[in-house]
Amino acid sequence: MNKPPLSVQHRRRFRRFRFLLSTLIVCGLIWAAGFVWYVDYIPKTVDNPTEKTDAIVVLTGGSERLSEGRRLLVDGLADKLFISGVYRGVEVDELLSVGKSDPRLISCCVVLGHVAENTRGNAIETAVWMYEEGYQSLRIVTANYHMPRSLLEFKSLMPDVEIIAHPVFPDNVKIDNWWRFPGSTALIASEYNKYVFASLRNTLLNWLPNGDRKALRSPGGTSGDAPDPDDYSASNVSAKDG
């Protein structure tokens, strides 16, 4: 079989290259538009700063989060403070600087979760604890740039729980004029990529029967991903344990 003329082969290669390049450009434009939307979606203020909830949930990852969670508990905005994603061996006083707070408040009202290693794990760990306690509302404390993905994960596992976003604002992350700060731009871009991945994963799981809730403990037992009671610690793990 004779090969087509060399000029025809060149045209075919050029068309394939042009199609590939056009596809990459379109994908890049879609990503860029989504990134701009994500930056605008990052919360700039705290909504409902005085509304009381059943629990305050702090996602570890910065001292500002823990300090704010402690302040909210002291101010009486919830009866319990749950800190998710704590390394084994870390004590409550190390996390909350017990010398700056009422020890009696910490001894009665702080619970640590030791299972979560990422945002998805934070959502699973918190959801199990919330449902075990019978709580119906929570205030989530995390960094502002991390809040959209946190809300996505938490709402997917706790659609019947009222969730109030309470962002903190790290000084080293510049949301306004982010393009002038390469470090902030890279961090926000990375968080946006994780948000897109989490959105796609949750969408796929939602197509399956109870697919997004398999990680939670069911009445018939405990799934492999769900935390056990021993995975919680602090002075008051649960009133049910006594």
C-alpha atoms as a PDB file:
ATOM      1  CA  MET A   1       0.000   0.000   0.000  1.00  0.00           C
ATOM      2  CA  ASN A   2       1.453   3.299  -1.104  1.00  0.00           C
ATOM      3  CA  LYS A   3       1.972   6.003   1.515  1.00  0.00           C
ATOM      4  CA  PRO A   4       0.252   9.354   0.921  1.00  0.00           C
ATOM      5  CA  PRO A   5       2.447  12.097  -0.414  1.00  0.00           C
ATOM      6  CA  LEU A   6       4.771  13.770   2.082  1.00  0.00           C
ATOM      7  CA  SER A   7       2.809  17.011   1.850  1.00  0.00           C
ATOM      8  CA  VAL A   8      -0.385  15.198   2.897  1.00  0.00           C
ATOM      9  CA  GLN A   9       1.379  13.625   5.873  1.00  0.00           C
ATOM     10  CA  HIS A  10       2.616  17.031   6.968  1.00  0.00           C
ATOM     11  CA  ARG A  11      -0.900  18.477   6.750  1.00  0.00           C
ATOM     12  CA  ARG A  12      -2.294  15.627   8.838  1.00  0.00           C
ATOM     13  CA  ARG A  13       0.389  16.085  11.485  1.00  0.00           C
ATOM     14  CA  PHE A  14      -0.226  19.794  11.547  1.00  0.00           C
ATOM     15  CA  ARG A  15      -3.974  19.268  12.002  1.00  0.00           C
ATOM     16  CA  ARG A  16      -3.336  16.870  14.899  1.00  0.00           C
ATOM     17  CA  PHE A  17      -0.912  19.318  16.474  1.00  0.00           C
ATOM     18  CA  ARG A  18      -3.386  22.184  16.022  1.00  0.00           C
ATOM     19  CA  PHE A  19      -6.171  20.118  17.625  1.00  0.00           C
ATOM     20  CA  LEU A  20      -3.956  19.213  20.580  1.00  0.00           C
ATOM     21  CA  LEU A  21      -2.837  22.805  21.028  1.00  0.00           C
ATOM     22  CA  SER A  22      -6.410  24.095  20.817  1.00  0.00           C
ATOM     23  CA  THR A  23      -7.523  21.537  23.414  1.00  0.00           C
ATOM     24  CA  LEU A  24      -4.750  22.565  25.785  1.00  0.00           C
ATOM     25  CA  ILE A  25      -5.603  26.251  25.343  1.00  0.00           C
ATOM     26  CA  VAL A  26      -9.312  25.619  26.017  1.00  0.00           C
ATOM     27  CA  CYS A  27      -8.498  23.536  29.104  1.00  0.00           C
ATOM     28  CA  GLY A  28      -6.141  26.248  30.315  1.00  0.00           C
ATOM     29  CA  LEU A  29      -8.799  28.934  29.873  1.00  0.00           C
ATOM     30  CA  ILE A  30     -11.375  26.823  31.736  1.00  0.00           C
ATOM     31  CA  TRP A  31      -8.889  26.240  34.573  1.00  0.00           C
ATOM     32  CA  ALA A  32      -8.028  29.947  34.722  1.00  0.00           C
ATOM     33  CA  ALA A  33     -11.700  30.961  34.828  1.00  0.00           C
ATOM     34  CA  GLY A  34     -12.314  28.449  37.607  1.00  0.00           C
ATOM     35  CA  PHE A  35      -9.299  29.709  39.510  1.00  0.00           C
ATOM     36  CA  VAL A  36     -10.560  33.303  39.372  1.00  0.00           C
ATOM     37  CA  TRP A  37     -13.952  32.091  40.612  1.00  0.00           C
ATOM     38  CA  TYR A  38     -12.271  30.165  43.432  1.00  0.00           C
ATOM     39  CA  VAL A  39     -10.307  33.202  44.605  1.00  0.00           C
ATOM     40  CA  ASP A  40     -13.522  35.216  44.700  1.00  0.00           C
ATOM     41  CA  TYR A  41     -15.238  32.341  46.587  1.00  0.00           C
ATOM     42  CA  ILE A  42     -12.663  32.394  49.391  1.00  0.00           C
ATOM     43  CA  PRO A  43     -14.426  34.058  52.355  1.00  0.00           C
ATOM     44  CA  LYS A  44     -13.282  37.554  53.236  1.00  0.00           C
ATOM     45  CA  THR A  45     -15.243  37.883  56.485  1.00  0.00           C
ATOM     46  CA  VAL A  46     -16.885  35.715  59.149  1.00  0.00           C
ATOM     47  CA  ASP A  47     -20.622  35.318  58.660  1.00  0.00           C
ATOM     48  CA  ASN A  48     -22.829  34.837  61.729  1.00  0.00           C
ATOM     49  CA  PRO A  49     -19.946  35.474  64.160  1.00  0.00           C
ATOM     50  CA  THR A  50     -22.189  35.299  67.248  1.00  0.00           C
ATOM     51  CA  GLU A  51     -24.587  32.450  66.380  1.00  0.00           C
ATOM     52  CA  LYS A  52     -24.290  29.532  68.806  1.00  0.00           C
ATOM     53  CA  THR A  53     -23.868  25.971  67.523  1.00  0.00           C
ATOM     54  CA  ASP A  54     -23.715  22.550  69.166  1.00  0.00           C
ATOM     55  CA  ALA A  55     -19.983  22.249  68.487  1.00  0.00           C
ATOM     56  CA  ILE A  56     -16.940  24.154  67.288  1.00  0.00           C
ATOM     57  CA  VAL A  57     -14.660  22.145  64.986  1.00  0.00           C
ATOM     58  CA  VAL A  58     -11.059  23.213  64.443  1.00  0.00           C
ATOM     59  CA  LEU A  59      -8.995  21.659  61.654  1.00  0.00           C
ATOM     60  CA  THR A  60      -5.363  21.535  62.743  1.00  0.00           C
ATOM     61  CA  GLY A  61      -2.801  23.277  60.612  1.00  0.00           C
ATOM     62  CA  GLY A  62      -2.121  26.645  62.171  1.00  0.00           C
ATOM     63  CA  SER A  63      -1.910  28.337  65.547  1.00  0.00           C
ATOM     64  CA  GLU A  64      -4.481  30.939  64.496  1.00  0.00           C
ATOM     65  CA  ARG A  65      -7.114  28.218  64.131  1.00  0.00           C
ATOM     66  CA  LEU A  66      -6.536  26.820  67.616  1.00  0.00           C
ATOM     67  CA  SER A  67      -6.479  30.249  69.223  1.00  0.00           C
ATOM     68  CA  GLU A  68      -9.721  31.192  67.527  1.00  0.00           C
ATOM     69  CA  GLY A  69     -11.371  27.901  68.467  1.00  0.00           C
ATOM     70  CA  ARG A  70     -10.369  28.414  72.079  1.00  0.00           C
ATOM     71  CA  ARG A  71     -11.737  31.975  72.048  1.00  0.00           C
ATOM     72  CA  LEU A  72     -15.056  30.837  70.608  1.00  0.00           C
ATOM     73  CA  LEU A  73     -15.378  28.164  73.280  1.00  0.00           C
ATOM     74  CA  VAL A  74     -14.563  30.629  76.063  1.00  0.00           C
ATOM     75  CA  ASP A  75     -17.119  33.045  74.619  1.00  0.00           C
ATOM     76  CA  GLY A  76     -19.782  30.336  74.896  1.00  0.00           C
ATOM     77  CA  LEU A  77     -20.563  29.906  71.196  1.00  0.00           C
ATOM     78  CA  ALA A  78     -20.725  26.116  71.650  1.00  0.00           C
ATOM     79  CA  ASP A  79     -20.699  23.533  74.410  1.00  0.00           C
ATOM     80  CA  LYS A  80     -17.915  21.431  72.881  1.00  0.00           C
ATOM     81  CA  LEU A  81     -14.706  22.081  70.951  1.00  0.00           C
ATOM     82  CA  PHE A  82     -13.606  19.253  68.651  1.00  0.00           C
ATOM     83  CA  ILE A  83     -10.061  19.437  67.250  1.00  0.00           C
ATOM     84  CA  SER A  84      -9.620  17.165  64.238  1.00  0.00           C
ATOM     85  CA  GLY A  85      -6.347  15.766  62.918  1.00  0.00           C
ATOM     86  CA  VAL A  86      -4.242  15.820  66.099  1.00  0.00           C
ATOM     87  CA  TYR A  87      -1.019  13.800  66.219  1.00  0.00           C
ATOM     88  CA  ARG A  88      -0.853  11.034  68.803  1.00  0.00           C
ATOM     89  CA  GLY A  89       0.777  12.134  72.039  1.00  0.00           C
ATOM     90  CA  VAL A  90      -0.198  15.781  71.727  1.00  0.00           C
ATOM     91  CA  GLU A  91      -1.918  16.894  74.905  1.00  0.00           C
ATOM     92  CA  VAL A  92      -4.767  19.355  75.209  1.00  0.00           C
ATOM     93  CA  ASP A  93      -2.706  21.919  77.125  1.00  0.00           C
ATOM     94  CA  GLU A  94      -0.062  21.926  74.372  1.00  0.00           C
ATOM     95  CA  LEU A  95      -2.697  22.708  71.769  1.00  0.00           C
ATOM     96  CA  LEU A  96      -4.723  25.206  73.706  1.00  0.00           C
ATOM     97  CA  SER A  97      -2.134  26.763  76.036  1.00  0.00           C
ATOM     98  CA  VAL A  98      -4.006  25.804  79.166  1.00  0.00           C
ATOM     99  CA  GLY A  99      -2.352  28.593  81.122  1.00  0.00           C
ATOM    100  CA  LYS A 100      -4.305  31.101  79.069  1.00  0.00           C
ATOM    101  CA  SER A 101      -7.679  29.412  79.541  1.00  0.00           C
ATOM    102  CA  ASP A 102      -9.853  28.132  82.326  1.00  0.00           C
ATOM    103  CA  PRO A 103      -8.665  24.540  82.968  1.00  0.00           C
ATOM    104  CA  ARG A 104     -12.175  23.552  84.033  1.00  0.00           C
ATOM    105  CA  LEU A 105     -13.548  24.625  80.653  1.00  0.00           C
ATOM    106  CA  ILE A 106     -10.914  22.608  78.821  1.00  0.00           C
ATOM    107  CA  SER A 107     -11.406  19.544  81.008  1.00  0.00           C
ATOM    108  CA  CYS A 108     -15.126  19.419  80.306  1.00  0.00           C
ATOM    109  CA  CYS A 109     -15.451  20.620  76.772  1.00  0.00           C
ATOM    110  CA  VAL A 110     -12.496  19.728  74.518  1.00  0.00           C
ATOM    111  CA  VAL A 111     -12.253  16.555  72.409  1.00  0.00           C
ATOM    112  CA  LEU A 112      -9.323  15.598  70.177  1.00  0.00           C
ATOM    113  CA  GLY A 113      -9.571  13.426  67.078  1.00  0.00           C
ATOM    114  CA  HIS A 114      -6.428  11.502  66.122  1.00  0.00           C
ATOM    115  CA  VAL A 115      -7.405   9.788  62.860  1.00  0.00           C
ATOM    116  CA  ALA A 116      -7.599  12.476  60.179  1.00  0.00           C
ATOM    117  CA  GLU A 117      -4.566  13.063  57.981  1.00  0.00           C
ATOM    118  CA  ASN A 118      -6.217  15.292  55.363  1.00  0.00           C
ATOM    119  CA  THR A 119      -9.360  17.316  54.784  1.00  0.00           C
ATOM    120  CA  ARG A 120     -11.404  14.297  53.737  1.00  0.00           C
ATOM    121  CA  GLY A 121     -10.292  12.572  56.930  1.00  0.00           C
ATOM    122  CA  ASN A 122     -11.283  15.655  58.953  1.00  0.00           C
ATOM    123  CA  ALA A 123     -14.786  15.418  57.509  1.00  0.00           C
ATOM    124  CA  ILE A 124     -15.094  11.677  58.235  1.00  0.00           C
ATOM    125  CA  GLU A 125     -13.714  11.991  61.744  1.00  0.00           C
ATOM    126  CA  THR A 126     -15.957  14.937  62.577  1.00  0.00           C
ATOM    127  CA  ALA A 127     -19.077  13.402  61.039  1.00  0.00           C
ATOM    128  CA  VAL A 128     -18.716  10.213  63.096  1.00  0.00           C
ATOM    129  CA  TRP A 129     -18.275  12.219  66.280  1.00  0.00           C
ATOM    130  CA  MET A 130     -21.152  14.585  65.480  1.00  0.00           C
ATOM    131  CA  TYR A 131     -23.598  11.763  64.795  1.00  0.00           C
ATOM    132  CA  GLU A 132     -22.494   9.837  67.882  1.00  0.00           C
ATOM    133  CA  GLU A 133     -23.136  12.928  70.002  1.00  0.00           C
ATOM    134  CA  GLY A 134     -26.433  13.672  68.284  1.00  0.00           C
ATOM    135  CA  TYR A 135     -25.351  17.199  67.352  1.00  0.00           C
ATOM    136  CA  GLN A 136     -27.137  19.114  64.613  1.00  0.00           C
ATOM    137  CA  SER A 137     -24.927  22.169  64.051  1.00  0.00           C
ATOM    138  CA  LEU A 138     -21.252  23.070  64.005  1.00  0.00           C
ATOM    139  CA  ARG A 139     -18.955  26.015  63.419  1.00  0.00           C
ATOM    140  CA  ILE A 140     -15.914  25.037  61.366  1.00  0.00           C
ATOM    141  CA  VAL A 141     -12.669  26.926  61.965  1.00  0.00           C
ATOM    142  CA  THR A 142      -9.921  26.755  59.363  1.00  0.00           C
ATOM    143  CA  ALA A 143      -7.878  29.069  57.124  1.00  0.00           C
ATOM    144  CA  ASN A 144      -9.849  31.156  54.645  1.00  0.00           C
ATOM    145  CA  TYR A 145      -8.148  29.647  51.571  1.00  0.00           C
ATOM    146  CA  HIS A 146      -8.907  26.146  52.914  1.00  0.00           C
ATOM    147  CA  MET A 147     -12.555  26.858  53.743  1.00  0.00           C
ATOM    148  CA  PRO A 148     -14.178  26.119  50.336  1.00  0.00           C
ATOM    149  CA  ARG A 149     -12.778  22.571  50.198  1.00  0.00           C
ATOM    150  CA  SER A 150     -13.540  21.996  53.870  1.00  0.00           C
ATOM    151  CA  LEU A 151     -17.176  22.994  53.373  1.00  0.00           C
ATOM    152  CA  LEU A 152     -17.377  20.781  50.291  1.00  0.00           C
ATOM    153  CA  GLU A 153     -16.159  17.722  52.201  1.00  0.00           C
ATOM    154  CA  PHE A 154     -18.159  18.409  55.374  1.00  0.00           C
ATOM    155  CA  LYS A 155     -21.434  19.078  53.583  1.00  0.00           C
ATOM    156  CA  SER A 156     -21.075  15.939  51.454  1.00  0.00           C
ATOM    157  CA  LEU A 157     -20.940  13.788  54.597  1.00  0.00           C
ATOM    158  CA  MET A 158     -23.273  15.832  56.816  1.00  0.00           C
ATOM    159  CA  PRO A 159     -25.989  17.233  54.540  1.00  0.00           C
ATOM    160  CA  ASP A 160     -28.451  17.380  57.456  1.00  0.00           C
ATOM    161  CA  VAL A 161     -26.106  19.333  59.759  1.00  0.00           C
ATOM    162  CA  GLU A 162     -26.058  23.133  59.863  1.00  0.00           C
ATOM    163  CA  ILE A 163     -22.502  24.249  59.162  1.00  0.00           C
ATOM    164  CA  ILE A 164     -21.262  27.773  59.793  1.00  0.00           C
ATOM    165  CA  ALA A 165     -17.983  28.788  58.192  1.00  0.00           C
ATOM    166  CA  HIS A 166     -15.611  30.609  60.529  1.00  0.00           C
ATOM    167  CA  PRO A 167     -12.427  31.359  58.575  1.00  0.00           C
ATOM    168  CA  VAL A 168      -9.216  32.689  60.048  1.00  0.00           C
ATOM    169  CA  PHE A 169      -6.948  34.896  57.981  1.00  0.00           C
ATOM    170  CA  PRO A 170      -3.237  33.977  58.019  1.00  0.00           C
ATOM    171  CA  ASP A 171      -1.021  37.000  57.582  1.00  0.00           C
ATOM    172  CA  ASN A 172       1.300  35.177  55.196  1.00  0.00           C
ATOM    173  CA  VAL A 173      -1.428  34.344  52.663  1.00  0.00           C
ATOM    174  CA  LYS A 174      -2.470  37.293  50.534  1.00  0.00           C
ATOM    175  CA  ILE A 175      -5.886  36.862  48.939  1.00  0.00           C
ATOM    176  CA  ASP A 176      -6.227  40.444  47.750  1.00  0.00           C
ATOM    177  CA  ASN A 177      -3.743  41.184  44.970  1.00  0.00           C
ATOM    178  CA  TRP A 178      -2.671  37.526  45.070  1.00  0.00           C
ATOM    179  CA  TRP A 179      -0.917  37.866  41.683  1.00  0.00           C
ATOM    180  CA  ARG A 180       1.714  40.067  43.324  1.00  0.00           C
ATOM    181  CA  PHE A 181       2.728  37.311  45.758  1.00  0.00           C
ATOM    182  CA  PRO A 182       4.064  34.109  44.110  1.00  0.00           C
ATOM    183  CA  GLY A 183       3.887  32.104  47.336  1.00  0.00           C
ATOM    184  CA  SER A 184       0.235  32.938  47.899  1.00  0.00           C
ATOM    185  CA  THR A 185      -0.569  32.314  44.236  1.00  0.00           C
ATOM    186  CA  ALA A 186       1.007  28.853  44.347  1.00  0.00           C
ATOM    187  CA  LEU A 187      -0.785  27.960  47.586  1.00  0.00           C
ATOM    188  CA  ILE A 188      -4.187  29.085  46.316  1.00  0.00           C
ATOM    189  CA  ALA A 189      -3.639  27.306  42.977  1.00  0.00           C
ATOM    190  CA  SER A 190      -2.757  24.083  44.799  1.00  0.00           C
ATOM    191  CA  GLU A 191      -5.851  24.397  46.981  1.00  0.00           C
ATOM    192  CA  TYR A 192      -7.992  25.061  43.911  1.00  0.00           C
ATOM    193  CA  ASN A 193      -6.676  21.901  42.217  1.00  0.00           C
ATOM    194  CA  LYS A 194      -7.532  19.887  45.340  1.00  0.00           C
ATOM    195  CA  TYR A 195     -10.985  21.456  45.367  1.00  0.00           C
ATOM    196  CA  VAL A 196     -11.589  20.423  41.752  1.00  0.00           C
ATOM    197  CA  PHE A 197     -10.423  16.866  42.469  1.00  0.00           C
ATOM    198  CA  ALA A 198     -12.633  16.630  45.571  1.00  0.00           C
ATOM    199  CA  SER A 199     -15.622  17.934  43.592  1.00  0.00           C
ATOM    200  CA  LEU A 200     -15.140  15.327  40.879  1.00  0.00           C
ATOM    201  CA  ARG A 201     -14.649  12.524  43.419  1.00  0.00           C
ATOM    202  CA  ASN A 202     -17.736  13.473  45.401  1.00  0.00           C
ATOM    203  CA  THR A 203     -19.802  13.737  42.210  1.00  0.00           C
ATOM    204  CA  LEU A 204     -18.770  10.216  41.221  1.00  0.00           C
ATOM    205  CA  LEU A 205     -19.518   8.907  44.706  1.00  0.00           C
ATOM    206  CA  ASN A 206     -22.947  10.530  44.663  1.00  0.00           C
ATOM    207  CA  TRP A 207     -23.833   8.372  41.668  1.00  0.00           C
ATOM    208  CA  LEU A 208     -23.412   5.284  43.829  1.00  0.00           C
ATOM    209  CA  PRO A 209     -25.989   4.174  46.421  1.00  0.00           C
ATOM    210  CA  ASN A 210     -24.815   5.808  49.673  1.00  0.00           C
ATOM    211  CA  GLY A 211     -21.411   6.057  48.030  1.00  0.00           C
ATOM    212  CA  ASP A 212     -20.318   9.203  49.833  1.00  0.00           C
ATOM    213  CA  ARG A 213     -21.340   7.911  53.268  1.00  0.00           C
ATOM    214  CA  LYS A 214     -19.610   4.510  53.307  1.00  0.00           C
ATOM    215  CA  ALA A 215     -16.853   5.942  55.469  1.00  0.00           C
ATOM    216  CA  LEU A 216     -19.274   6.670  58.291  1.00  0.00           C
ATOM    217  CA  ARG A 217     -20.217   4.193  60.972  1.00  0.00           C
ATOM    218  CA  SER A 218     -23.522   2.505  60.228  1.00  0.00           C
ATOM    219  CA  PRO A 219     -25.938   1.102  62.837  1.00  0.00           C
ATOM    220  CA  GLY A 220     -24.805  -2.393  61.957  1.00  0.00           C
ATOM    221  CA  GLY A 221     -21.109  -1.846  62.595  1.00  0.00           C
ATOM    222  CA  THR A 222     -18.043   0.180  61.786  1.00  0.00           C
ATOM    223  CA  SER A 223     -16.535   0.608  58.352  1.00  0.00           C
ATOM    224  CA  GLY A 224     -12.822   0.338  57.856  1.00  0.00           C
ATOM    225  CA  ASP A 225     -12.461   4.112  57.470  1.00  0.00           C
ATOM    226  CA  ALA A 226     -14.539   5.198  60.452  1.00  0.00           C
ATOM    227  CA  PRO A 227     -12.800   6.126  63.703  1.00  0.00           C
ATOM    228  CA  ASP A 228     -13.252   4.031  66.831  1.00  0.00           C
ATOM    229  CA  PRO A 229     -14.012   5.643  70.218  1.00  0.00           C
ATOM    230  CA  ASP A 230     -10.363   5.079  71.194  1.00  0.00           C
ATOM    231  CA  ASP A 231      -9.361   7.446  68.410  1.00  0.00           C
ATOM    232  CA  TYR A 232     -10.774  10.348  70.410  1.00  0.00           C
ATOM    233  CA  SER A 233      -9.043  11.769  73.456  1.00  0.00           C
ATOM    234  CA  ALA A 234      -9.147  14.669  75.917  1.00  0.00           C
ATOM    235  CA  SER A 235     -10.673  15.090  79.304  1.00  0.00           C
ATOM    236  CA  ASN A 236     -14.193  14.566  77.992  1.00  0.00           C
ATOM    237  CA  VAL A 237     -14.376  12.113  75.111  1.00  0.00           C
ATOM    238  CA  SER A 238     -18.054  11.443  75.314  1.00  0.00           C
ATOM    239  CA  ALA A 239     -20.636  11.289  78.001  1.00  0.00           C
ATOM    240  CA  LYS A 240     -21.672   7.943  76.541  1.00  0.00           C
ATOM    241  CA  ASP A 241     -18.382   6.361  77.551  1.00  0.00           C
ATOM    242  CA  GLY A 242     -19.102   6.646  81.265  1.00  0.00           C
END
